Amino acid sequence: MPDKKSTTLLTPRWLPDAKPRTSRGTSLPSPWRGRRIFAPRLGWGGPFGGRVAVEDSGTVYTGPSTQVASIYPFLLGSGLPPRGVPVGRDVLTGELVCIDPSGWTGRLTTNPGVWVMSQPGVGKSALVKRICLVYVAYGCMMCVPADIKGEYSTMVRELGGSVLRIGTGVDRINPLDSGPLKHRLAVLPATERQALLDVLTGRRLETLGALLATRCGLGRQPNEIERSALTTAVQLAADAASGTDPVVPDVIAVLRQAPEALRVKLAADGDTYLDLTRSVVAGLDNLVDGPLKGMFDGPTSTPLDLDAPAVSVDINALRARGSDVVSAGMIASWAYTYNTIDSARSLGVVRRRLVLPMDEMWRALRSGPGLVDAMDSISRLNRTTDDVTIYVTHSLEDVEALPTEEDRAKARGLMDRCDTWVIGGSTDEELGRVSGKRSLTEQERMMITSWASATSTGLDTADQVHPGRGKYLIKIGTRPGIAAAMELTATERRLYHTDRNTEPVGDARR
């Protein structure tokens, strides 16, 4: 400490016009009296004065792996481009982390597919909804083909979108609906009209086969004779319903009437014909006169608004009827939604890109081959259409729940075609399975497992937050991952809240 009687100048040398003060805080007399102490808005004048227009970016040093081996492998990769959807801050560096599957295609990745997985309750749905919300602001159409829990309905409505609620006494969809095509077929040339009709027949046959494969139908895929009968029956029902779409009861009526064209196709008559078609007729009857009655047995009550920024098919009302009904509802709503949009695109009615959140994917995988085939076809085309498809699940074991090796191989292909992976809190056992698809360093595995569960408990847990809530590791291909922590805005906390038994807090929710 300086002596109380001594006087020490505290004026910095780089501010020549500043007013010096003594160590005791008293101002010095003139000629310093009346001069500025702080720099003006445009900076100090004179040589080397003014504001700093360009900030020094620093120096980048590189070196071979033999010289920098002691600091490799790195815990995390270099930063991602600050474009797209802001996720949050890097947990180590604090820099902004963004995710942009559409913008990365052809640059950092080969396709816009995203695979999101973690334990329940750590914020997967919150991240997916933020991606959808920002992409809608960029001009994309948010499309939820089967909202099992109804958690996207509020968000879609507030965006000015269209929500179709499936259930008895609410809305109904026709799995054989052709979308906007039914209003355009009559004005098309004969050759083009027949080509589109052939495509529609194939789609309708695929949908009926998937529905029949559920336990609400046959419980199996139709055999070759039954498929042949269905093909002819769908064509005859479509011809009879000129200017509109056939419905499932129309197909049942054709099979029971046994027209000559159908009997010639099967080379059967009388009792032989009845034996060949009895099972498929009974399966279709189950779809319209069983637990699904009133939902898929007539024309679509409320068509999707393709001009809306977001559309959703809410099948939450089906959950009370059991998993078999939910599986059939998912297949029907998927077929209707995607066929409608695909038809609109073929006519040029819809030109926007889609962002498709596929939440609760474990239900889709366990529902049977119908949805797996649909997801497989979409994932193969999304690079061409630039649609962002987001698959959300809890574990890679969900893939192994499929009944046949063929279906499991298709599901594994979905993961392989997703260049971007987002991994939340998971167990070490689960990360071992992930390592078979995406390489994880030891540090990355330690960090993700630390998000899986709390390390300690306290007497007062009211203010505690799960350590993995809102934290994600973003992996692009084989490059090191980027760990980000997301915080929700007040609006997002209201829209994204899915933990119904607790009060919302300022962190990401499932």
Protein backbone atom coordinates (compact mmCIF):
# COMPACT_ATOMS: atom_id res chain seq x y z
CA MET A 1 0.00 0.00 0.00
CA PRO A 2 1.40 3.46 -0.85
CA ASP A 3 2.11 5.97 1.91
CA LYS A 4 -0.92 8.15 2.71
CA LYS A 5 1.10 11.34 2.06
CA SER A 6 2.49 10.18 -1.25
CA THR A 7 0.72 10.94 -4.53
CA THR A 8 0.58 8.25 -7.27
CA LEU A 9 -0.72 8.95 -10.76
CA LEU A 10 -3.30 6.32 -11.86
CA THR A 11 -3.79 7.60 -15.40
CA PRO A 12 -3.45 4.85 -18.07
CA ARG A 13 -0.91 5.83 -20.72
CA TRP A 14 -3.21 4.80 -23.62
CA LEU A 15 -5.81 7.42 -22.62
CA PRO A 16 -3.85 10.70 -22.84
CA ASP A 17 -6.93 12.89 -22.36
CA ALA A 18 -8.13 11.08 -19.23
CA LYS A 19 -8.35 12.96 -15.98
CA PRO A 20 -5.68 11.60 -13.57
CA ARG A 21 -6.52 10.96 -9.96
CA THR A 22 -4.40 10.35 -6.92
CA SER A 23 -4.42 7.11 -4.97
CA ARG A 24 -6.56 8.91 -2.38
CA GLY A 25 -9.29 9.55 -5.01
CA THR A 26 -8.87 13.37 -5.25
CA SER A 27 -8.66 15.13 -8.61
CA LEU A 28 -5.52 16.92 -9.66
CA PRO A 29 -5.65 20.65 -10.39
CA SER A 30 -5.43 22.23 -13.84
CA PRO A 31 -4.35 21.74 -16.57
CA TRP A 32 -6.29 18.41 -16.16
CA ARG A 33 -9.47 20.01 -14.82
CA GLY A 34 -12.38 19.93 -17.33
CA ARG A 35 -11.05 17.13 -19.56
CA ARG A 36 -12.98 13.95 -20.43
CA ILE A 37 -12.52 10.86 -18.30
CA PHE A 38 -14.38 8.40 -20.59
CA ALA A 39 -13.96 7.95 -24.34
CA PRO A 40 -16.62 9.56 -26.57
CA ARG A 41 -19.05 7.43 -28.59
CA LEU A 42 -16.79 7.34 -31.67
CA GLY A 43 -13.62 6.66 -29.65
CA TRP A 44 -10.57 8.82 -28.91
CA GLY A 45 -9.36 11.13 -31.62
CA GLY A 46 -5.85 11.53 -32.94
CA PRO A 47 -3.39 8.99 -34.36
CA PHE A 48 -4.41 5.35 -33.76
CA GLY A 49 -7.74 6.55 -32.35
CA GLY A 50 -11.34 5.75 -33.23
CA ARG A 51 -13.43 2.61 -32.78
CA VAL A 52 -12.24 -0.90 -33.54
CA ALA A 53 -13.97 -1.86 -36.81
CA VAL A 54 -12.54 -5.39 -37.14
CA GLU A 55 -11.77 -7.71 -34.27
CA ASP A 56 -8.62 -9.77 -34.57
CA SER A 57 -9.64 -13.37 -35.33
CA GLY A 58 -6.47 -14.77 -33.82
CA THR A 59 -3.96 -17.21 -35.24
CA VAL A 60 -4.69 -20.81 -36.22
CA TYR A 61 -1.93 -23.33 -35.56
CA THR A 62 -1.85 -26.77 -37.20
CA GLY A 63 0.39 -29.75 -36.68
CA PRO A 64 0.76 -33.40 -37.61
CA SER A 65 -0.72 -36.12 -35.42
CA THR A 66 2.75 -37.13 -34.25
CA GLN A 67 3.21 -33.74 -32.62
CA VAL A 68 -0.29 -33.22 -31.22
CA ALA A 69 -0.92 -36.84 -30.21
CA SER A 70 -0.92 -35.89 -26.54
CA ILE A 71 -4.09 -33.83 -26.97
CA TYR A 72 -5.95 -36.25 -29.27
CA PRO A 73 -8.60 -37.68 -29.39
CA PHE A 74 -10.44 -34.47 -28.59
CA LEU A 75 -13.44 -34.56 -26.28
CA LEU A 76 -15.59 -32.62 -28.76
CA GLY A 77 -15.31 -31.54 -32.36
CA SER A 78 -14.97 -28.07 -33.81
CA GLY A 79 -17.98 -25.79 -33.86
CA LEU A 80 -20.87 -26.17 -36.31
CA PRO A 81 -21.87 -23.42 -38.75
CA PRO A 82 -24.11 -20.83 -37.00
CA ARG A 83 -26.99 -21.42 -39.41
CA GLY A 84 -30.26 -23.28 -39.15
CA VAL A 85 -31.98 -24.10 -35.87
CA PRO A 86 -30.29 -22.78 -32.71
CA VAL A 87 -30.09 -25.64 -30.23
CA GLY A 88 -28.25 -23.97 -27.36
CA ARG A 89 -24.79 -23.36 -26.01
CA ASP A 90 -21.83 -25.72 -26.23
CA VAL A 91 -21.47 -27.26 -22.77
CA LEU A 92 -17.68 -26.67 -22.80
CA THR A 93 -16.99 -23.58 -24.88
CA GLY A 94 -20.29 -21.72 -24.53
CA GLU A 95 -20.52 -20.98 -28.26
CA LEU A 96 -23.81 -21.20 -30.13
CA VAL A 97 -24.67 -24.65 -31.53
CA CYS A 98 -27.07 -24.94 -34.48
CA ILE A 99 -28.52 -27.91 -36.33
CA ASP A 100 -29.49 -27.66 -40.00
CA PRO A 101 -30.10 -31.08 -41.62
CA SER A 102 -31.52 -29.49 -44.76
CA GLY A 103 -28.71 -26.95 -45.19
CA TRP A 104 -26.03 -29.54 -44.44
CA THR A 105 -27.14 -31.89 -47.24
CA GLY A 106 -24.47 -32.03 -49.92
CA ARG A 107 -21.98 -30.25 -47.65
CA LEU A 108 -21.59 -31.91 -44.27
CA THR A 109 -24.04 -34.77 -44.88
CA THR A 110 -25.51 -36.75 -47.76
CA ASN A 111 -29.16 -36.65 -46.63
CA PRO A 112 -31.43 -34.62 -44.30
CA GLY A 113 -32.47 -37.53 -42.06
CA VAL A 114 -32.04 -37.13 -38.27
CA TRP A 115 -32.00 -39.94 -35.70
CA VAL A 116 -32.86 -38.74 -32.15
CA MET A 117 -32.61 -41.12 -29.20
CA SER A 118 -32.32 -41.02 -25.42
CA GLN A 119 -34.02 -42.16 -22.27
CA PRO A 120 -37.58 -40.92 -21.73
CA GLY A 121 -37.98 -37.54 -20.10
CA VAL A 122 -34.76 -35.73 -21.06
CA GLY A 123 -36.13 -33.45 -23.77
CA LYS A 124 -36.23 -35.27 -27.12
CA SER A 125 -39.64 -33.91 -28.07
CA ALA A 126 -38.65 -30.37 -27.05
CA LEU A 127 -35.70 -30.44 -29.45
CA VAL A 128 -37.79 -31.90 -32.27
CA LYS A 129 -40.50 -29.27 -31.80
CA ARG A 130 -37.96 -26.46 -31.87
CA ILE A 131 -36.57 -27.82 -35.15
CA CYS A 132 -40.09 -27.93 -36.58
CA LEU A 133 -40.95 -24.44 -35.34
CA VAL A 134 -37.85 -22.82 -36.86
CA TYR A 135 -38.18 -24.68 -40.16
CA VAL A 136 -41.80 -23.51 -40.45
CA ALA A 137 -40.49 -19.97 -40.04
CA TYR A 138 -38.11 -20.73 -42.92
CA GLY A 139 -41.07 -21.66 -45.15
CA CYS A 140 -41.25 -25.45 -44.73
CA MET A 141 -44.47 -27.33 -43.99
CA MET A 142 -44.59 -29.19 -40.70
CA CYS A 143 -46.37 -32.51 -41.20
CA VAL A 144 -47.19 -34.87 -38.30
CA PRO A 145 -48.75 -37.92 -39.98
CA ALA A 146 -49.65 -39.70 -36.73
CA ASP A 147 -49.58 -37.74 -33.46
CA ILE A 148 -50.09 -40.56 -30.96
CA LYS A 149 -50.14 -38.46 -27.80
CA GLY A 150 -51.73 -35.34 -29.28
CA GLU A 151 -48.77 -33.26 -28.11
CA TYR A 152 -48.31 -31.41 -31.42
CA SER A 153 -51.93 -30.26 -31.79
CA THR A 154 -51.60 -27.06 -29.73
CA MET A 155 -48.44 -26.04 -31.54
CA VAL A 156 -49.95 -26.73 -34.99
CA ARG A 157 -53.08 -24.71 -34.17
CA GLU A 158 -51.08 -21.73 -32.89
CA LEU A 159 -49.09 -21.81 -36.12
CA GLY A 160 -52.39 -21.50 -38.00
CA GLY A 161 -52.24 -25.11 -39.14
CA SER A 162 -54.78 -27.87 -39.71
CA VAL A 163 -55.39 -30.62 -37.13
CA LEU A 164 -57.40 -33.72 -38.07
CA ARG A 165 -58.54 -35.64 -34.98
CA ILE A 166 -59.34 -39.31 -35.56
CA GLY A 167 -61.84 -41.07 -33.32
CA THR A 168 -65.45 -42.08 -32.98
CA GLY A 169 -67.68 -39.03 -33.28
CA VAL A 170 -64.81 -36.72 -34.25
CA ASP A 171 -63.10 -36.96 -37.68
CA ARG A 172 -62.77 -39.82 -40.13
CA ILE A 173 -60.23 -40.53 -42.86
CA ASN A 174 -60.42 -42.75 -45.91
CA PRO A 175 -57.28 -44.89 -46.29
CA LEU A 176 -58.03 -45.07 -50.04
CA ASP A 177 -58.24 -41.28 -50.44
CA SER A 178 -56.37 -39.93 -53.47
CA GLY A 179 -56.10 -36.37 -52.17
CA PRO A 180 -56.20 -33.57 -54.76
CA LEU A 181 -55.94 -36.05 -57.64
CA LYS A 182 -59.64 -36.92 -57.52
CA HIS A 183 -60.48 -33.41 -58.74
CA ARG A 184 -57.93 -33.47 -61.57
CA LEU A 185 -58.23 -36.96 -63.10
CA ALA A 186 -61.27 -36.09 -65.23
CA VAL A 187 -59.43 -33.30 -67.11
CA LEU A 188 -56.24 -35.24 -67.80
CA PRO A 189 -55.51 -36.93 -71.15
CA ALA A 190 -56.47 -40.61 -71.31
CA THR A 191 -52.88 -41.91 -71.26
CA GLU A 192 -51.81 -39.74 -68.32
CA ARG A 193 -55.03 -40.46 -66.46
CA GLN A 194 -54.53 -44.22 -66.76
CA ALA A 195 -50.92 -43.94 -65.54
CA LEU A 196 -52.07 -42.03 -62.45
CA LEU A 197 -54.85 -44.54 -61.83
CA ASP A 198 -52.31 -47.37 -61.90
CA VAL A 199 -50.19 -45.52 -59.34
CA LEU A 200 -53.23 -44.91 -57.15
CA THR A 201 -54.24 -48.57 -57.33
CA GLY A 202 -50.78 -49.59 -56.19
CA ARG A 203 -50.90 -47.18 -53.24
CA ARG A 204 -54.35 -48.33 -52.22
CA LEU A 205 -53.39 -51.98 -52.43
CA GLU A 206 -50.29 -51.34 -50.31
CA THR A 207 -52.39 -49.55 -47.68
CA LEU A 208 -54.99 -52.32 -47.51
CA GLY A 209 -52.26 -54.93 -47.23
CA ALA A 210 -50.65 -53.08 -44.34
CA LEU A 211 -53.98 -52.68 -42.54
CA LEU A 212 -54.82 -56.35 -43.02
CA ALA A 213 -51.43 -57.30 -41.57
CA THR A 214 -52.42 -55.76 -38.19
CA ARG A 215 -54.25 -57.74 -35.54
CA CYS A 216 -57.37 -55.70 -36.28
CA GLY A 217 -57.43 -57.25 -39.77
CA LEU A 218 -56.05 -60.65 -40.77
CA GLY A 219 -53.02 -60.57 -38.51
CA ARG A 220 -50.87 -61.44 -41.51
CA GLN A 221 -50.00 -60.20 -44.99
CA PRO A 222 -52.43 -61.28 -47.75
CA ASN A 223 -51.16 -64.19 -49.83
CA GLU A 224 -50.67 -63.96 -53.59
CA ILE A 225 -54.23 -65.05 -54.43
CA GLU A 226 -55.75 -62.59 -51.95
CA ARG A 227 -53.58 -59.77 -53.32
CA SER A 228 -54.73 -60.55 -56.82
CA ALA A 229 -58.35 -60.43 -55.70
CA LEU A 230 -57.77 -57.15 -53.84
CA THR A 231 -56.13 -55.55 -56.88
CA THR A 232 -59.08 -56.29 -59.13
CA ALA A 233 -61.62 -55.37 -56.43
CA VAL A 234 -59.96 -51.98 -55.81
CA GLN A 235 -59.92 -51.22 -59.54
CA LEU A 236 -63.60 -52.15 -59.95
CA ALA A 237 -64.57 -50.12 -56.86
CA ALA A 238 -62.67 -47.09 -58.21
CA ASP A 239 -64.36 -47.39 -61.61
CA ALA A 240 -67.79 -47.52 -59.94
CA ALA A 241 -67.03 -44.45 -57.78
CA SER A 242 -66.47 -42.10 -60.71
CA GLY A 243 -65.41 -38.61 -59.67
CA THR A 244 -64.76 -39.61 -56.06
CA ASP A 245 -62.69 -42.10 -54.09
CA PRO A 246 -63.73 -45.66 -53.19
CA VAL A 247 -63.96 -46.60 -49.51
CA VAL A 248 -63.21 -49.89 -47.80
CA PRO A 249 -66.91 -50.98 -47.73
CA ASP A 250 -66.96 -50.56 -51.54
CA VAL A 251 -64.09 -53.04 -51.87
CA ILE A 252 -65.89 -55.48 -49.56
CA ALA A 253 -69.06 -55.17 -51.66
CA VAL A 254 -67.18 -55.98 -54.88
CA LEU A 255 -65.55 -59.06 -53.34
CA ARG A 256 -68.92 -60.34 -52.11
CA GLN A 257 -70.72 -59.67 -55.40
CA ALA A 258 -68.12 -61.77 -57.24
CA PRO A 259 -68.33 -60.01 -60.64
CA GLU A 260 -67.26 -61.91 -63.72
CA ALA A 261 -63.99 -59.99 -64.07
CA LEU A 262 -62.98 -61.04 -60.56
CA ARG A 263 -63.98 -64.69 -61.05
CA VAL A 264 -62.07 -64.83 -64.33
CA LYS A 265 -59.03 -63.27 -62.65
CA LEU A 266 -59.02 -65.94 -59.94
CA ALA A 267 -60.09 -68.73 -62.29
CA ALA A 268 -62.61 -69.78 -59.65
CA ASP A 269 -66.36 -69.90 -59.21
CA GLY A 270 -68.96 -70.90 -56.65
CA ASP A 271 -67.61 -72.44 -53.47
CA THR A 272 -64.04 -72.33 -54.76
CA TYR A 273 -64.27 -68.55 -55.13
CA LEU A 274 -65.73 -68.21 -51.63
CA ASP A 275 -62.92 -70.29 -50.15
CA LEU A 276 -60.26 -68.12 -51.84
CA THR A 277 -61.76 -64.80 -50.73
CA ARG A 278 -63.34 -65.67 -47.36
CA SER A 279 -60.30 -64.68 -45.26
CA VAL A 280 -59.62 -61.37 -46.98
CA VAL A 281 -63.31 -60.38 -46.79
CA ALA A 282 -63.37 -61.21 -43.08
CA GLY A 283 -60.20 -59.15 -42.55
CA LEU A 284 -61.69 -56.13 -44.31
CA ASP A 285 -64.90 -56.54 -42.29
CA ASN A 286 -62.83 -56.35 -39.13
CA LEU A 287 -61.42 -52.99 -40.28
CA VAL A 288 -64.85 -51.36 -40.67
CA ASP A 289 -67.08 -53.22 -38.24
CA GLY A 290 -64.78 -53.94 -35.29
CA PRO A 291 -62.89 -51.70 -32.87
CA LEU A 292 -62.11 -49.34 -35.78
CA LYS A 293 -65.77 -48.79 -36.66
CA GLY A 294 -66.57 -45.20 -37.56
CA MET A 295 -62.96 -44.16 -38.21
CA PHE A 296 -61.85 -45.59 -41.57
CA ASP A 297 -65.10 -46.84 -43.13
CA GLY A 298 -66.21 -43.78 -45.09
CA PRO A 299 -65.06 -40.66 -46.97
CA THR A 300 -62.61 -38.30 -45.31
CA SER A 301 -64.63 -35.87 -43.20
CA THR A 302 -62.10 -33.00 -43.06
CA PRO A 303 -59.40 -32.92 -45.78
CA LEU A 304 -55.97 -31.62 -44.86
CA ASP A 305 -55.39 -27.94 -45.59
CA LEU A 306 -52.33 -28.07 -47.86
CA ASP A 307 -52.01 -24.27 -47.79
CA ALA A 308 -51.52 -24.26 -44.01
CA PRO A 309 -48.02 -23.90 -42.51
CA ALA A 310 -48.49 -27.12 -40.52
CA VAL A 311 -50.76 -30.18 -40.62
CA SER A 312 -51.27 -32.95 -38.09
CA VAL A 313 -53.34 -36.13 -37.73
CA ASP A 314 -54.11 -36.55 -34.03
CA ILE A 315 -54.85 -40.18 -33.11
CA ASN A 316 -54.59 -39.71 -29.35
CA ALA A 317 -58.22 -40.83 -28.95
CA LEU A 318 -57.26 -44.33 -30.15
CA ARG A 319 -54.89 -45.04 -27.27
CA ALA A 320 -57.75 -46.08 -24.98
CA ARG A 321 -58.68 -48.86 -27.44
CA GLY A 322 -55.39 -50.71 -27.17
CA SER A 323 -52.11 -51.00 -29.08
CA ASP A 324 -53.65 -52.97 -31.97
CA VAL A 325 -56.07 -50.13 -32.75
CA VAL A 326 -53.26 -47.58 -32.46
CA SER A 327 -51.16 -49.59 -34.94
CA ALA A 328 -53.99 -49.70 -37.47
CA GLY A 329 -54.68 -46.00 -36.91
CA MET A 330 -51.04 -45.12 -37.53
CA ILE A 331 -50.97 -47.02 -40.82
CA ALA A 332 -54.22 -45.47 -42.05
CA SER A 333 -53.24 -41.92 -41.08
CA TRP A 334 -49.77 -42.35 -42.55
CA ALA A 335 -51.19 -43.60 -45.84
CA TYR A 336 -53.72 -40.79 -46.04
CA THR A 337 -51.33 -37.98 -45.09
CA TYR A 338 -48.36 -38.87 -47.22
CA ASN A 339 -50.42 -39.95 -50.25
CA THR A 340 -52.29 -36.64 -50.10
CA ILE A 341 -49.08 -34.60 -50.04
CA ASP A 342 -47.39 -36.77 -52.66
CA SER A 343 -50.40 -36.41 -54.97
CA ALA A 344 -50.41 -32.64 -54.44
CA ARG A 345 -46.73 -32.49 -55.32
CA SER A 346 -47.27 -34.45 -58.52
CA LEU A 347 -49.79 -31.79 -59.57
CA GLY A 348 -47.61 -28.88 -58.45
CA VAL A 349 -50.09 -27.85 -55.75
CA VAL A 350 -47.47 -28.20 -53.00
CA ARG A 351 -43.90 -27.12 -53.66
CA ARG A 352 -42.70 -26.59 -50.09
CA ARG A 353 -40.28 -28.87 -48.30
CA LEU A 354 -41.58 -30.91 -45.39
CA VAL A 355 -40.30 -31.43 -41.88
CA LEU A 356 -41.67 -34.75 -40.62
CA PRO A 357 -41.33 -35.51 -36.89
CA MET A 358 -41.79 -39.24 -36.31
CA ASP A 359 -42.16 -39.29 -32.53
CA GLU A 360 -42.87 -42.46 -30.54
CA MET A 361 -41.14 -44.42 -33.28
CA TRP A 362 -41.04 -47.54 -31.12
CA ARG A 363 -44.80 -47.87 -31.62
CA ALA A 364 -44.40 -47.58 -35.37
CA LEU A 365 -41.69 -50.23 -35.42
CA ARG A 366 -43.79 -52.62 -33.37
CA SER A 367 -46.96 -51.99 -35.36
CA GLY A 368 -45.81 -54.23 -38.19
CA PRO A 369 -44.23 -54.07 -41.65
CA GLY A 370 -46.69 -51.50 -43.05
CA LEU A 371 -45.15 -48.46 -41.39
CA VAL A 372 -41.62 -49.79 -41.73
CA ASP A 373 -42.10 -50.01 -45.50
CA ALA A 374 -43.55 -46.47 -45.55
CA MET A 375 -40.63 -45.05 -43.54
CA ASP A 376 -38.18 -46.94 -45.72
CA SER A 377 -39.61 -45.46 -48.94
CA ILE A 378 -39.69 -41.93 -47.49
CA SER A 379 -36.10 -42.11 -46.23
CA ARG A 380 -34.91 -43.14 -49.70
CA LEU A 381 -36.59 -40.15 -51.34
CA ASN A 382 -35.99 -37.38 -48.80
CA ARG A 383 -32.63 -36.47 -50.33
CA THR A 384 -34.42 -35.70 -53.61
CA THR A 385 -37.31 -33.81 -52.02
CA ASP A 386 -35.10 -32.26 -49.30
CA ASP A 387 -37.66 -33.21 -46.65
CA VAL A 388 -36.25 -33.26 -43.11
CA THR A 389 -37.31 -36.55 -41.52
CA ILE A 390 -36.75 -36.85 -37.76
CA TYR A 391 -36.94 -40.33 -36.21
CA VAL A 392 -37.38 -40.26 -32.42
CA THR A 393 -36.99 -43.36 -30.26
CA HIS A 394 -35.67 -44.55 -26.90
CA SER A 395 -33.40 -47.44 -27.79
CA LEU A 396 -31.92 -49.33 -30.72
CA GLU A 397 -33.55 -52.42 -29.25
CA ASP A 398 -36.86 -51.13 -30.66
CA VAL A 399 -35.58 -52.19 -34.08
CA GLU A 400 -35.17 -55.77 -32.90
CA ALA A 401 -38.87 -55.94 -31.91
CA LEU A 402 -39.89 -56.39 -35.55
CA PRO A 403 -41.12 -59.91 -36.35
CA THR A 404 -38.94 -60.81 -39.36
CA GLU A 405 -35.30 -60.30 -40.28
CA GLU A 406 -36.41 -58.56 -43.48
CA ASP A 407 -38.26 -55.91 -41.48
CA ARG A 408 -35.36 -55.53 -39.04
CA ALA A 409 -32.99 -55.00 -41.97
CA LYS A 410 -35.24 -52.23 -43.33
CA ALA A 411 -35.34 -50.56 -39.94
CA ARG A 412 -31.54 -50.72 -39.63
CA GLY A 413 -31.36 -49.11 -43.05
CA LEU A 414 -33.31 -46.14 -41.65
CA MET A 415 -30.55 -45.54 -39.13
CA ASP A 416 -27.80 -45.95 -41.71
CA ARG A 417 -29.41 -43.33 -43.95
CA CYS A 418 -29.48 -40.75 -41.16
CA ASP A 419 -26.18 -38.87 -41.29
CA THR A 420 -27.12 -36.72 -38.30
CA TRP A 421 -27.57 -38.37 -34.90
CA VAL A 422 -28.67 -36.59 -31.72
CA ILE A 423 -28.02 -38.63 -28.57
CA GLY A 424 -29.32 -37.67 -25.14
CA GLY A 425 -28.82 -39.29 -21.76
CA SER A 426 -28.45 -43.07 -22.22
CA THR A 427 -27.02 -46.02 -20.34
CA ASP A 428 -23.59 -47.42 -21.10
CA GLU A 429 -25.22 -50.62 -22.37
CA GLU A 430 -27.26 -48.62 -24.87
CA LEU A 431 -24.20 -46.68 -25.99
CA GLY A 432 -22.51 -50.00 -26.69
CA ARG A 433 -25.25 -50.69 -29.25
CA VAL A 434 -24.91 -47.17 -30.64
CA SER A 435 -21.18 -47.70 -31.15
CA GLY A 436 -22.05 -50.32 -33.75
CA LYS A 437 -23.62 -47.55 -35.85
CA ARG A 438 -21.71 -44.42 -34.83
CA SER A 439 -18.24 -44.36 -33.34
CA LEU A 440 -18.13 -42.79 -29.88
CA THR A 441 -14.97 -41.82 -28.06
CA GLU A 442 -14.50 -42.80 -24.44
CA GLN A 443 -14.98 -39.18 -23.37
CA GLU A 444 -18.25 -38.92 -25.32
CA ARG A 445 -19.59 -42.09 -23.72
CA MET A 446 -18.65 -40.87 -20.25
CA MET A 447 -20.37 -37.55 -20.86
CA ILE A 448 -23.61 -39.12 -22.19
CA THR A 449 -23.82 -41.64 -19.35
CA SER A 450 -23.33 -38.81 -16.85
CA TRP A 451 -26.56 -37.33 -18.25
CA ALA A 452 -28.47 -40.58 -17.71
CA SER A 453 -29.03 -40.31 -13.95
CA ALA A 454 -28.34 -38.11 -10.93
CA THR A 455 -25.12 -38.82 -9.05
CA SER A 456 -26.47 -37.84 -5.66
CA THR A 457 -29.66 -36.97 -3.80
CA GLY A 458 -30.35 -34.14 -1.40
CA LEU A 459 -32.80 -33.38 1.35
CA ASP A 460 -34.57 -30.79 -0.79
CA THR A 461 -35.14 -31.99 -4.36
CA ALA A 462 -37.77 -29.41 -5.29
CA ASP A 463 -35.29 -27.21 -7.14
CA GLN A 464 -33.19 -30.00 -8.61
CA VAL A 465 -33.24 -30.72 -12.36
CA HIS A 466 -32.30 -34.01 -13.97
CA PRO A 467 -28.65 -33.76 -15.16
CA GLY A 468 -29.56 -34.82 -18.69
CA ARG A 469 -32.54 -32.52 -19.18
CA GLY A 470 -32.05 -30.59 -22.41
CA LYS A 471 -28.52 -31.87 -23.17
CA TYR A 472 -27.66 -33.51 -26.48
CA LEU A 473 -24.61 -34.78 -28.33
CA ILE A 474 -24.86 -33.99 -32.06
CA LYS A 475 -22.94 -36.45 -34.24
CA ILE A 476 -22.48 -35.82 -37.95
CA GLY A 477 -21.10 -38.86 -39.71
CA THR A 478 -17.88 -40.01 -38.06
CA ARG A 479 -16.66 -36.60 -36.88
CA PRO A 480 -16.43 -35.86 -33.14
CA GLY A 481 -19.68 -34.85 -31.50
CA ILE A 482 -20.83 -31.43 -30.32
CA ALA A 483 -22.52 -31.33 -26.90
CA ALA A 484 -25.18 -28.64 -26.49
CA ALA A 485 -27.48 -27.58 -23.65
CA MET A 486 -30.88 -26.16 -24.62
CA GLU A 487 -32.97 -23.70 -22.65
CA LEU A 488 -36.59 -23.07 -23.52
CA THR A 489 -38.29 -19.73 -23.90
CA ALA A 490 -41.51 -18.99 -22.02
CA THR A 491 -43.57 -19.75 -25.13
CA GLU A 492 -41.75 -23.02 -25.69
CA ARG A 493 -42.28 -24.08 -22.09
CA ARG A 494 -46.00 -23.64 -22.65
CA LEU A 495 -46.11 -25.38 -26.04
CA TYR A 496 -43.63 -28.19 -25.43
CA HIS A 497 -44.64 -29.25 -21.93
CA THR A 498 -45.37 -33.01 -22.04
CA ASP A 499 -44.75 -34.00 -18.40
CA ARG A 500 -48.39 -33.77 -17.35
CA ASN A 501 -47.85 -34.67 -13.71
CA THR A 502 -45.40 -31.87 -12.90
CA GLU A 503 -45.31 -28.12 -13.18
CA PRO A 504 -43.30 -26.78 -16.12
CA VAL A 505 -39.83 -25.42 -15.42
CA GLY A 506 -37.32 -23.54 -17.50
CA ASP A 507 -35.64 -26.57 -19.00
CA ALA A 508 -36.30 -28.82 -21.95
CA ARG A 509 -38.92 -31.50 -21.49
CA ARG A 510 -39.58 -34.81 -23.16
